Amino acid sequence: MEQESYSAVGAGIGMFGVILYLGIIVLYIVGMWKVFEKAGKPGWAAIIPIYNIIILLEIIGKPTIWILWMLIPCVNIVFLIWATNLMAKSFGKTEGFTVGLILLPFVFYPLLGFGDARYLGPSAAEAQNGFNGGNNPFGGTNNPFNNTNNPFNSPNNPFNNPNNPEDPNKPTTPPQA
């Protein structure tokens, strides 16, 4: 083969890559557009670079100040994954769907936008209910300051009862039978 034919093959492969890339971007934008419309926001917001993140934060119920966290390198990865998870939760989807939204957004955003998923409202309130809808074995909430369900904060705990006259370090004797 001559040099010109190699160049033509390379140009053809390059054009295929550009067309494929543009197709993926169009799928992603169309999916985001429909997701925004389902959430009651303007669909055109999906194509405005920073504004689309602000609208995403409104959809998931997080403060707009989060956009500053998303501008810090390495921290932005954590916050974008968190925001994507909350987006999936806002539409009643699970963590598995979140993985799809992160790894294949050009497939899963159109599924979310054109599928039967309904917008359930901001997920920030739902996310505060803890694991498993508030029925978790760790007290039911993600609030570390909530001591109502803490077994170590009960009145029967001798180590945590200030009215207990006994020394908690004193060895106890078993009850006599």
N, C-alpha and C. Protein backbone atom coordinates (compact mmCIF):
# COMPACT_ATOMS: atom_id res chain seq x y z
N MET A 1 0.84 -1.19 0.00
CA MET A 1 0.00 0.00 0.00
C MET A 1 0.87 1.24 0.00
N GLU A 2 0.34 2.25 -0.59
CA GLU A 2 1.08 3.49 -0.63
C GLU A 2 0.77 4.34 0.59
N GLN A 3 1.57 5.35 0.78
CA GLN A 3 1.43 6.23 1.94
C GLN A 3 0.07 6.93 1.95
N GLU A 4 -0.45 7.31 0.78
CA GLU A 4 -1.72 8.02 0.71
C GLU A 4 -2.87 7.14 1.20
N SER A 5 -2.82 5.85 0.91
CA SER A 5 -3.91 4.97 1.33
C SER A 5 -3.89 4.77 2.85
N TYR A 6 -2.70 4.75 3.45
CA TYR A 6 -2.63 4.68 4.91
C TYR A 6 -3.23 5.93 5.54
N SER A 7 -2.96 7.06 4.95
CA SER A 7 -3.52 8.31 5.46
C SER A 7 -5.03 8.31 5.35
N ALA A 8 -5.55 7.78 4.25
CA ALA A 8 -7.00 7.73 4.06
C ALA A 8 -7.64 6.81 5.09
N VAL A 9 -7.01 5.68 5.38
CA VAL A 9 -7.54 4.76 6.39
C VAL A 9 -7.51 5.42 7.76
N GLY A 10 -6.42 6.11 8.08
CA GLY A 10 -6.33 6.81 9.36
C GLY A 10 -7.38 7.90 9.49
N ALA A 11 -7.60 8.63 8.40
CA ALA A 11 -8.62 9.68 8.42
C ALA A 11 -10.01 9.07 8.60
N GLY A 12 -10.25 7.95 7.97
CA GLY A 12 -11.55 7.28 8.12
C GLY A 12 -11.79 6.80 9.54
N ILE A 13 -10.76 6.23 10.15
CA ILE A 13 -10.88 5.78 11.55
C ILE A 13 -11.09 6.98 12.47
N GLY A 14 -10.37 8.07 12.20
CA GLY A 14 -10.54 9.28 13.00
C GLY A 14 -11.94 9.85 12.88
N MET A 15 -12.48 9.88 11.67
CA MET A 15 -13.84 10.39 11.47
C MET A 15 -14.86 9.51 12.18
N PHE A 16 -14.65 8.20 12.14
CA PHE A 16 -15.56 7.30 12.86
C PHE A 16 -15.53 7.59 14.36
N GLY A 17 -14.33 7.82 14.90
CA GLY A 17 -14.20 8.15 16.32
C GLY A 17 -14.89 9.45 16.69
N VAL A 18 -14.76 10.46 15.83
CA VAL A 18 -15.40 11.75 16.10
C VAL A 18 -16.92 11.60 16.06
N ILE A 19 -17.43 10.89 15.07
CA ILE A 19 -18.88 10.69 14.96
C ILE A 19 -19.40 9.89 16.15
N LEU A 20 -18.68 8.86 16.57
CA LEU A 20 -19.08 8.08 17.74
C LEU A 20 -19.09 8.95 18.99
N TYR A 21 -18.06 9.76 19.17
CA TYR A 21 -17.97 10.65 20.32
C TYR A 21 -19.12 11.65 20.34
N LEU A 22 -19.42 12.26 19.20
CA LEU A 22 -20.54 13.20 19.12
C LEU A 22 -21.87 12.51 19.40
N GLY A 23 -22.02 11.27 18.94
CA GLY A 23 -23.24 10.51 19.22
C GLY A 23 -23.41 10.25 20.71
N ILE A 24 -22.32 9.92 21.39
CA ILE A 24 -22.36 9.68 22.84
C ILE A 24 -22.73 10.96 23.57
N ILE A 25 -22.16 12.09 23.15
CA ILE A 25 -22.48 13.37 23.79
C ILE A 25 -23.96 13.72 23.58
N VAL A 26 -24.47 13.49 22.38
CA VAL A 26 -25.89 13.78 22.10
C VAL A 26 -26.79 12.90 22.97
N LEU A 27 -26.47 11.62 23.11
CA LEU A 27 -27.27 10.73 23.98
C LEU A 27 -27.26 11.22 25.42
N TYR A 28 -26.10 11.64 25.89
CA TYR A 28 -25.99 12.14 27.27
C TYR A 28 -26.81 13.41 27.47
N ILE A 29 -26.70 14.35 26.54
CA ILE A 29 -27.42 15.62 26.67
C ILE A 29 -28.93 15.40 26.57
N VAL A 30 -29.37 14.56 25.64
CA VAL A 30 -30.80 14.29 25.51
C VAL A 30 -31.33 13.61 26.77
N GLY A 31 -30.56 12.68 27.33
CA GLY A 31 -30.97 12.02 28.57
C GLY A 31 -31.07 12.99 29.73
N MET A 32 -30.06 13.85 29.88
CA MET A 32 -30.10 14.86 30.95
C MET A 32 -31.26 15.82 30.75
N TRP A 33 -31.53 16.20 29.50
CA TRP A 33 -32.63 17.11 29.19
C TRP A 33 -33.95 16.52 29.71
N LYS A 34 -34.18 15.25 29.40
CA LYS A 34 -35.43 14.60 29.83
C LYS A 34 -35.48 14.42 31.34
N VAL A 35 -34.35 14.13 31.97
CA VAL A 35 -34.31 13.99 33.43
C VAL A 35 -34.66 15.32 34.08
N PHE A 36 -34.10 16.41 33.56
CA PHE A 36 -34.41 17.73 34.11
C PHE A 36 -35.89 18.05 33.94
N GLU A 37 -36.46 17.73 32.78
CA GLU A 37 -37.88 17.99 32.55
C GLU A 37 -38.76 17.16 33.48
N LYS A 38 -38.38 15.91 33.73
CA LYS A 38 -39.15 15.07 34.66
C LYS A 38 -39.14 15.65 36.06
N ALA A 39 -38.05 16.30 36.42
CA ALA A 39 -37.93 16.88 37.76
C ALA A 39 -38.56 18.27 37.83
N GLY A 40 -39.17 18.72 36.74
CA GLY A 40 -39.84 20.02 36.75
C GLY A 40 -38.91 21.19 36.51
N LYS A 41 -37.75 20.94 35.99
CA LYS A 41 -36.77 21.99 35.69
C LYS A 41 -36.70 22.18 34.18
N PRO A 42 -36.17 23.29 33.71
CA PRO A 42 -36.08 23.49 32.26
C PRO A 42 -35.07 22.52 31.64
N GLY A 43 -35.46 21.87 30.56
CA GLY A 43 -34.59 20.90 29.92
C GLY A 43 -33.35 21.52 29.31
N TRP A 44 -33.47 22.76 28.81
CA TRP A 44 -32.34 23.42 28.18
C TRP A 44 -31.20 23.64 29.16
N ALA A 45 -31.46 23.55 30.45
CA ALA A 45 -30.41 23.76 31.45
C ALA A 45 -29.33 22.67 31.35
N ALA A 46 -29.64 21.55 30.72
CA ALA A 46 -28.67 20.47 30.60
C ALA A 46 -27.49 20.84 29.71
N ILE A 47 -27.65 21.85 28.85
CA ILE A 47 -26.57 22.18 27.92
C ILE A 47 -25.73 23.38 28.37
N ILE A 48 -26.08 24.00 29.50
CA ILE A 48 -25.31 25.13 30.02
C ILE A 48 -24.32 24.59 31.05
N PRO A 49 -23.01 24.72 30.84
CA PRO A 49 -22.01 24.02 31.65
C PRO A 49 -22.12 24.11 33.16
N ILE A 50 -22.07 25.22 33.81
CA ILE A 50 -22.10 25.27 35.27
C ILE A 50 -23.54 25.27 35.78
N TYR A 51 -24.42 25.88 35.00
CA TYR A 51 -25.83 25.98 35.39
C TYR A 51 -26.47 24.59 35.52
N ASN A 52 -26.03 23.62 34.70
CA ASN A 52 -26.62 22.29 34.80
C ASN A 52 -26.29 21.62 36.13
N ILE A 53 -25.14 21.92 36.71
CA ILE A 53 -24.80 21.36 38.02
C ILE A 53 -25.63 22.03 39.10
N ILE A 54 -25.88 23.33 38.96
CA ILE A 54 -26.73 24.04 39.93
C ILE A 54 -28.14 23.45 39.91
N ILE A 55 -28.67 23.18 38.72
CA ILE A 55 -30.00 22.59 38.60
C ILE A 55 -29.99 21.17 39.17
N LEU A 56 -28.94 20.41 38.92
CA LEU A 56 -28.82 19.07 39.49
C LEU A 56 -28.86 19.13 41.01
N LEU A 57 -28.17 20.11 41.60
CA LEU A 57 -28.17 20.26 43.06
C LEU A 57 -29.56 20.63 43.57
N GLU A 58 -30.32 21.42 42.81
CA GLU A 58 -31.70 21.73 43.19
C GLU A 58 -32.56 20.48 43.13
N ILE A 59 -32.35 19.64 42.13
CA ILE A 59 -33.14 18.42 41.98
C ILE A 59 -32.91 17.48 43.15
N ILE A 60 -31.66 17.36 43.60
CA ILE A 60 -31.38 16.42 44.69
C ILE A 60 -31.54 17.04 46.06
N GLY A 61 -31.83 18.34 46.11
CA GLY A 61 -32.12 18.98 47.38
C GLY A 61 -30.89 19.37 48.19
N LYS A 62 -29.80 19.61 47.53
CA LYS A 62 -28.58 20.03 48.22
C LYS A 62 -28.35 21.51 47.98
N PRO A 63 -27.64 22.18 48.88
CA PRO A 63 -27.41 23.62 48.71
C PRO A 63 -26.49 23.91 47.52
N THR A 64 -26.69 25.07 46.93
CA THR A 64 -25.91 25.47 45.76
C THR A 64 -24.43 25.61 46.09
N ILE A 65 -24.10 25.80 47.33
CA ILE A 65 -22.70 25.97 47.74
C ILE A 65 -21.88 24.71 47.43
N TRP A 66 -22.57 23.59 47.23
CA TRP A 66 -21.88 22.35 46.88
C TRP A 66 -21.06 22.50 45.61
N ILE A 67 -21.42 23.44 44.78
CA ILE A 67 -20.67 23.61 43.53
C ILE A 67 -19.21 23.97 43.82
N LEU A 68 -18.96 24.62 44.95
CA LEU A 68 -17.58 24.92 45.32
C LEU A 68 -16.81 23.65 45.63
N TRP A 69 -17.47 22.68 46.29
CA TRP A 69 -16.81 21.40 46.56
C TRP A 69 -16.48 20.69 45.26
N MET A 70 -17.32 20.88 44.25
CA MET A 70 -17.11 20.19 42.98
C MET A 70 -16.02 20.84 42.14
N LEU A 71 -15.47 21.95 42.59
CA LEU A 71 -14.37 22.60 41.88
C LEU A 71 -13.00 22.24 42.47
N ILE A 72 -12.98 21.54 43.59
CA ILE A 72 -11.72 21.15 44.24
C ILE A 72 -11.29 19.79 43.70
N PRO A 73 -10.08 19.68 43.16
CA PRO A 73 -9.63 18.40 42.63
C PRO A 73 -9.65 17.30 43.70
N CYS A 74 -9.99 16.12 43.31
CA CYS A 74 -10.12 14.91 44.13
C CYS A 74 -11.37 14.95 45.00
N VAL A 75 -11.67 16.07 45.61
CA VAL A 75 -12.90 16.19 46.40
C VAL A 75 -14.10 16.16 45.45
N ASN A 76 -13.93 16.72 44.26
CA ASN A 76 -15.03 16.77 43.31
C ASN A 76 -15.48 15.37 42.88
N ILE A 77 -14.57 14.42 42.85
CA ILE A 77 -14.94 13.05 42.48
C ILE A 77 -15.92 12.48 43.50
N VAL A 78 -15.61 12.67 44.77
CA VAL A 78 -16.48 12.16 45.84
C VAL A 78 -17.84 12.84 45.78
N PHE A 79 -17.86 14.16 45.63
CA PHE A 79 -19.13 14.88 45.62
C PHE A 79 -19.95 14.60 44.37
N LEU A 80 -19.30 14.38 43.22
CA LEU A 80 -20.05 14.05 42.02
C LEU A 80 -20.66 12.65 42.12
N ILE A 81 -19.93 11.71 42.71
CA ILE A 81 -20.50 10.38 42.92
C ILE A 81 -21.66 10.45 43.90
N TRP A 82 -21.49 11.23 44.96
CA TRP A 82 -22.55 11.40 45.95
C TRP A 82 -23.78 12.04 45.31
N ALA A 83 -23.57 13.09 44.52
CA ALA A 83 -24.68 13.77 43.86
C ALA A 83 -25.37 12.84 42.86
N THR A 84 -24.60 12.03 42.16
CA THR A 84 -25.20 11.08 41.22
C THR A 84 -26.03 10.04 41.96
N ASN A 85 -25.56 9.58 43.11
CA ASN A 85 -26.33 8.64 43.91
C ASN A 85 -27.63 9.28 44.39
N LEU A 86 -27.56 10.52 44.83
CA LEU A 86 -28.77 11.21 45.28
C LEU A 86 -29.72 11.46 44.12
N MET A 87 -29.18 11.66 42.91
CA MET A 87 -30.03 11.81 41.73
C MET A 87 -30.80 10.52 41.47
N ALA A 88 -30.10 9.40 41.54
CA ALA A 88 -30.77 8.11 41.35
C ALA A 88 -31.83 7.89 42.42
N LYS A 89 -31.53 8.23 43.67
CA LYS A 89 -32.49 8.08 44.77
C LYS A 89 -33.70 8.99 44.56
N SER A 90 -33.50 10.18 43.97
CA SER A 90 -34.60 11.10 43.73
C SER A 90 -35.60 10.52 42.74
N PHE A 91 -35.17 9.57 41.94
CA PHE A 91 -36.05 8.91 40.99
C PHE A 91 -36.39 7.48 41.42
N GLY A 92 -36.08 7.13 42.66
CA GLY A 92 -36.44 5.82 43.20
C GLY A 92 -35.54 4.69 42.73
N LYS A 93 -34.36 4.99 42.29
CA LYS A 93 -33.43 3.96 41.81
C LYS A 93 -32.45 3.58 42.91
N THR A 94 -31.77 2.46 42.71
CA THR A 94 -30.85 1.92 43.71
C THR A 94 -29.41 2.32 43.41
N GLU A 95 -28.50 1.82 44.26
CA GLU A 95 -27.09 2.11 44.08
C GLU A 95 -26.54 1.46 42.81
N GLY A 96 -27.11 0.35 42.40
CA GLY A 96 -26.69 -0.28 41.15
C GLY A 96 -26.93 0.63 39.96
N PHE A 97 -28.05 1.33 39.98
CA PHE A 97 -28.33 2.30 38.92
C PHE A 97 -27.35 3.46 38.98
N THR A 98 -26.94 3.82 40.20
CA THR A 98 -25.93 4.87 40.36
C THR A 98 -24.63 4.48 39.68
N VAL A 99 -24.22 3.23 39.84
CA VAL A 99 -23.00 2.74 39.18
C VAL A 99 -23.15 2.88 37.66
N GLY A 100 -24.32 2.55 37.15
CA GLY A 100 -24.57 2.73 35.72
C GLY A 100 -24.51 4.18 35.29
N LEU A 101 -25.08 5.07 36.10
CA LEU A 101 -25.03 6.50 35.78
C LEU A 101 -23.60 7.02 35.75
N ILE A 102 -22.74 6.44 36.57
CA ILE A 102 -21.35 6.91 36.62
C ILE A 102 -20.53 6.30 35.48
N LEU A 103 -20.67 5.00 35.24
CA LEU A 103 -19.84 4.34 34.25
C LEU A 103 -20.35 4.48 32.82
N LEU A 104 -21.66 4.48 32.63
CA LEU A 104 -22.26 4.60 31.29
C LEU A 104 -23.36 5.65 31.29
N PRO A 105 -23.00 6.91 31.50
CA PRO A 105 -24.05 7.94 31.60
C PRO A 105 -24.83 8.12 30.31
N PHE A 106 -24.22 7.85 29.16
CA PHE A 106 -24.91 8.01 27.89
C PHE A 106 -25.95 6.92 27.66
N VAL A 107 -25.96 5.88 28.48
CA VAL A 107 -26.99 4.85 28.43
C VAL A 107 -28.01 5.05 29.55
N PHE A 108 -27.54 5.31 30.77
CA PHE A 108 -28.42 5.33 31.93
C PHE A 108 -29.19 6.64 32.09
N TYR A 109 -28.65 7.78 31.66
CA TYR A 109 -29.44 9.01 31.72
C TYR A 109 -30.63 8.96 30.75
N PRO A 110 -30.46 8.48 29.51
CA PRO A 110 -31.66 8.30 28.68
C PRO A 110 -32.64 7.28 29.26
N LEU A 111 -32.13 6.21 29.90
CA LEU A 111 -33.03 5.27 30.56
C LEU A 111 -33.83 5.95 31.67
N LEU A 112 -33.17 6.81 32.41
CA LEU A 112 -33.84 7.53 33.49
C LEU A 112 -34.81 8.56 32.92
N GLY A 113 -34.42 9.24 31.86
CA GLY A 113 -35.26 10.29 31.29
C GLY A 113 -36.44 9.77 30.50
N PHE A 114 -36.23 8.73 29.71
CA PHE A 114 -37.30 8.21 28.86
C PHE A 114 -38.01 7.02 29.47
N GLY A 115 -37.47 6.47 30.55
CA GLY A 115 -38.08 5.31 31.19
C GLY A 115 -39.28 5.67 32.04
N ASP A 116 -39.73 4.70 32.82
CA ASP A 116 -40.93 4.89 33.64
C ASP A 116 -40.63 5.44 35.03
N ALA A 117 -39.39 5.82 35.30
CA ALA A 117 -39.03 6.35 36.62
C ALA A 117 -39.71 7.70 36.82
N ARG A 118 -40.27 7.90 38.01
CA ARG A 118 -40.91 9.17 38.36
C ARG A 118 -40.03 9.92 39.33
N TYR A 119 -40.08 11.24 39.25
CA TYR A 119 -39.34 12.07 40.18
C TYR A 119 -40.09 12.08 41.51
N LEU A 120 -39.42 11.62 42.56
CA LEU A 120 -40.05 11.49 43.87
C LEU A 120 -39.78 12.68 44.77
N GLY A 121 -38.97 13.60 44.34
CA GLY A 121 -38.64 14.76 45.15
C GLY A 121 -37.18 14.71 45.56
N PRO A 122 -36.73 15.78 46.18
CA PRO A 122 -35.32 15.82 46.59
C PRO A 122 -34.98 14.65 47.50
N SER A 123 -33.83 14.07 47.26
CA SER A 123 -33.44 12.89 48.03
C SER A 123 -32.71 13.23 49.30
N ALA A 124 -32.46 14.50 49.56
CA ALA A 124 -31.70 14.86 50.76
C ALA A 124 -32.42 14.40 52.01
N ALA A 125 -33.74 14.53 52.05
CA ALA A 125 -34.49 14.09 53.23
C ALA A 125 -34.44 12.57 53.34
N GLU A 126 -34.56 11.87 52.20
CA GLU A 126 -34.50 10.41 52.22
C GLU A 126 -33.12 9.92 52.64
N ALA A 127 -32.09 10.62 52.19
CA ALA A 127 -30.73 10.20 52.52
C ALA A 127 -30.45 10.34 54.01
N GLN A 128 -31.15 11.22 54.70
CA GLN A 128 -30.94 11.39 56.13
C GLN A 128 -31.60 10.28 56.95
N ASN A 129 -32.46 9.46 56.32
CA ASN A 129 -33.13 8.39 57.05
C ASN A 129 -32.25 7.18 57.26
N GLY A 130 -31.09 7.18 56.71
CA GLY A 130 -30.15 6.09 56.97
C GLY A 130 -30.32 4.93 56.02
N PHE A 131 -29.61 3.87 56.34
CA PHE A 131 -29.62 2.69 55.50
C PHE A 131 -30.97 1.99 55.60
N ASN A 132 -31.39 1.38 54.53
CA ASN A 132 -32.57 0.52 54.52
C ASN A 132 -33.82 1.26 54.96
N GLY A 133 -33.98 2.49 54.53
CA GLY A 133 -35.20 3.23 54.81
C GLY A 133 -35.40 3.54 56.28
N GLY A 134 -34.37 3.68 57.04
CA GLY A 134 -34.51 4.00 58.45
C GLY A 134 -34.63 2.77 59.34
N ASN A 135 -34.62 1.57 58.75
CA ASN A 135 -34.73 0.35 59.54
C ASN A 135 -33.38 -0.33 59.69
N ASN A 136 -32.37 0.46 59.96
CA ASN A 136 -31.05 -0.15 60.05
C ASN A 136 -30.74 -0.55 61.49
N PRO A 137 -29.79 -1.43 61.67
CA PRO A 137 -29.44 -1.87 63.02
C PRO A 137 -28.60 -0.86 63.78
N PHE A 138 -28.25 0.26 63.15
CA PHE A 138 -27.37 1.23 63.78
C PHE A 138 -28.12 2.43 64.33
N GLY A 139 -29.38 2.28 64.61
CA GLY A 139 -30.12 3.35 65.26
C GLY A 139 -31.13 4.05 64.38
N GLY A 140 -31.17 3.78 63.10
CA GLY A 140 -32.22 4.31 62.25
C GLY A 140 -31.91 5.62 61.57
N THR A 141 -30.86 6.32 61.94
CA THR A 141 -30.55 7.57 61.25
C THR A 141 -29.05 7.66 61.02
N ASN A 142 -28.68 8.59 60.17
CA ASN A 142 -27.27 8.85 59.94
C ASN A 142 -26.74 9.94 60.85
N ASN A 143 -27.57 10.44 61.75
CA ASN A 143 -27.18 11.53 62.63
C ASN A 143 -26.32 10.98 63.76
N PRO A 144 -25.04 11.34 63.82
CA PRO A 144 -24.19 10.79 64.88
C PRO A 144 -24.50 11.37 66.25
N PHE A 145 -25.29 12.45 66.30
CA PHE A 145 -25.61 13.07 67.58
C PHE A 145 -26.94 12.59 68.13
N ASN A 146 -27.59 11.67 67.42
CA ASN A 146 -28.86 11.14 67.88
C ASN A 146 -28.58 9.99 68.84
N ASN A 147 -28.84 10.20 70.12
CA ASN A 147 -28.54 9.18 71.12
C ASN A 147 -29.79 8.46 71.60
N THR A 148 -30.93 8.67 70.97
CA THR A 148 -32.15 8.05 71.46
C THR A 148 -32.16 6.55 71.26
N ASN A 149 -31.51 6.06 70.21
CA ASN A 149 -31.50 4.62 69.95
C ASN A 149 -30.16 3.98 70.28
N ASN A 150 -29.34 4.67 71.01
CA ASN A 150 -28.02 4.17 71.34
C ASN A 150 -28.12 3.26 72.56
N PRO A 151 -27.80 1.96 72.43
CA PRO A 151 -27.92 1.06 73.58
C PRO A 151 -26.93 1.40 74.69
N PHE A 152 -25.86 2.12 74.39
CA PHE A 152 -24.89 2.47 75.41
C PHE A 152 -25.29 3.73 76.18
N ASN A 153 -26.37 4.36 75.75
CA ASN A 153 -26.84 5.58 76.40
C ASN A 153 -28.15 5.32 77.15
N SER A 154 -28.34 4.11 77.62
CA SER A 154 -29.58 3.78 78.32
C SER A 154 -29.40 3.96 79.83
N PRO A 155 -30.49 4.16 80.56
CA PRO A 155 -30.38 4.32 82.01
C PRO A 155 -29.91 3.05 82.71
N ASN A 156 -30.05 1.90 82.05
CA ASN A 156 -29.63 0.64 82.66
C ASN A 156 -28.13 0.39 82.54
N ASN A 157 -27.46 1.23 81.79
CA ASN A 157 -26.03 1.07 81.62
C ASN A 157 -25.32 1.71 82.82
N PRO A 158 -24.66 0.92 83.68
CA PRO A 158 -24.05 1.49 84.87
C PRO A 158 -22.89 2.42 84.56
N PHE A 159 -22.30 2.29 83.39
CA PHE A 159 -21.16 3.15 83.05
C PHE A 159 -21.61 4.54 82.60
N ASN A 160 -22.89 4.69 82.27
CA ASN A 160 -23.38 5.95 81.74
C ASN A 160 -24.43 6.59 82.64
N ASN A 161 -24.67 6.03 83.81
CA ASN A 161 -25.70 6.55 84.70
C ASN A 161 -25.03 7.37 85.80
N PRO A 162 -25.20 8.70 85.81
CA PRO A 162 -24.53 9.52 86.83
C PRO A 162 -25.14 9.31 88.22
N ASN A 163 -26.34 8.77 88.32
CA ASN A 163 -26.98 8.54 89.62
C ASN A 163 -26.58 7.21 90.24
N ASN A 164 -25.74 6.45 89.57
CA ASN A 164 -25.33 5.15 90.08
C ASN A 164 -24.26 5.36 91.16
N PRO A 165 -24.55 4.98 92.41
CA PRO A 165 -23.56 5.20 93.47
C PRO A 165 -22.39 4.24 93.40
N GLU A 166 -22.55 3.14 92.69
CA GLU A 166 -21.48 2.15 92.63
C GLU A 166 -20.37 2.62 91.69
N ASP A 167 -19.19 2.17 92.01
CA ASP A 167 -18.04 2.47 91.17
C ASP A 167 -18.09 1.56 89.95
N PRO A 168 -18.11 2.08 88.72
CA PRO A 168 -18.19 1.21 87.55
C PRO A 168 -16.95 0.35 87.38
N ASN A 169 -15.84 0.72 88.00
CA ASN A 169 -14.62 -0.08 87.87
C ASN A 169 -14.58 -1.22 88.89
N LYS A 170 -15.50 -1.19 89.86
CA LYS A 170 -15.53 -2.24 90.87
C LYS A 170 -16.10 -3.52 90.26
N PRO A 171 -15.47 -4.66 90.50
CA PRO A 171 -16.01 -5.91 89.95
C PRO A 171 -17.37 -6.21 90.58
N THR A 172 -18.25 -6.72 89.77
CA THR A 172 -19.59 -7.05 90.26
C THR A 172 -19.66 -8.51 90.65
N THR A 173 -20.51 -8.80 91.60
CA THR A 173 -20.72 -10.19 92.02
C THR A 173 -22.01 -10.67 91.40
N PRO A 174 -22.03 -11.90 90.94
CA PRO A 174 -23.26 -12.42 90.34
C PRO A 174 -24.34 -12.58 91.41
N PRO A 175 -25.60 -12.47 91.03
CA PRO A 175 -26.69 -12.62 92.01
C PRO A 175 -26.71 -14.04 92.58
N GLN A 176 -27.07 -14.12 93.85
CA GLN A 176 -27.14 -15.42 94.53
C GLN A 176 -28.43 -16.13 94.15
N ALA A 177 -28.32 -17.43 93.93
CA ALA A 177 -29.50 -18.21 93.56
C ALA A 177 -30.25 -18.72 94.75
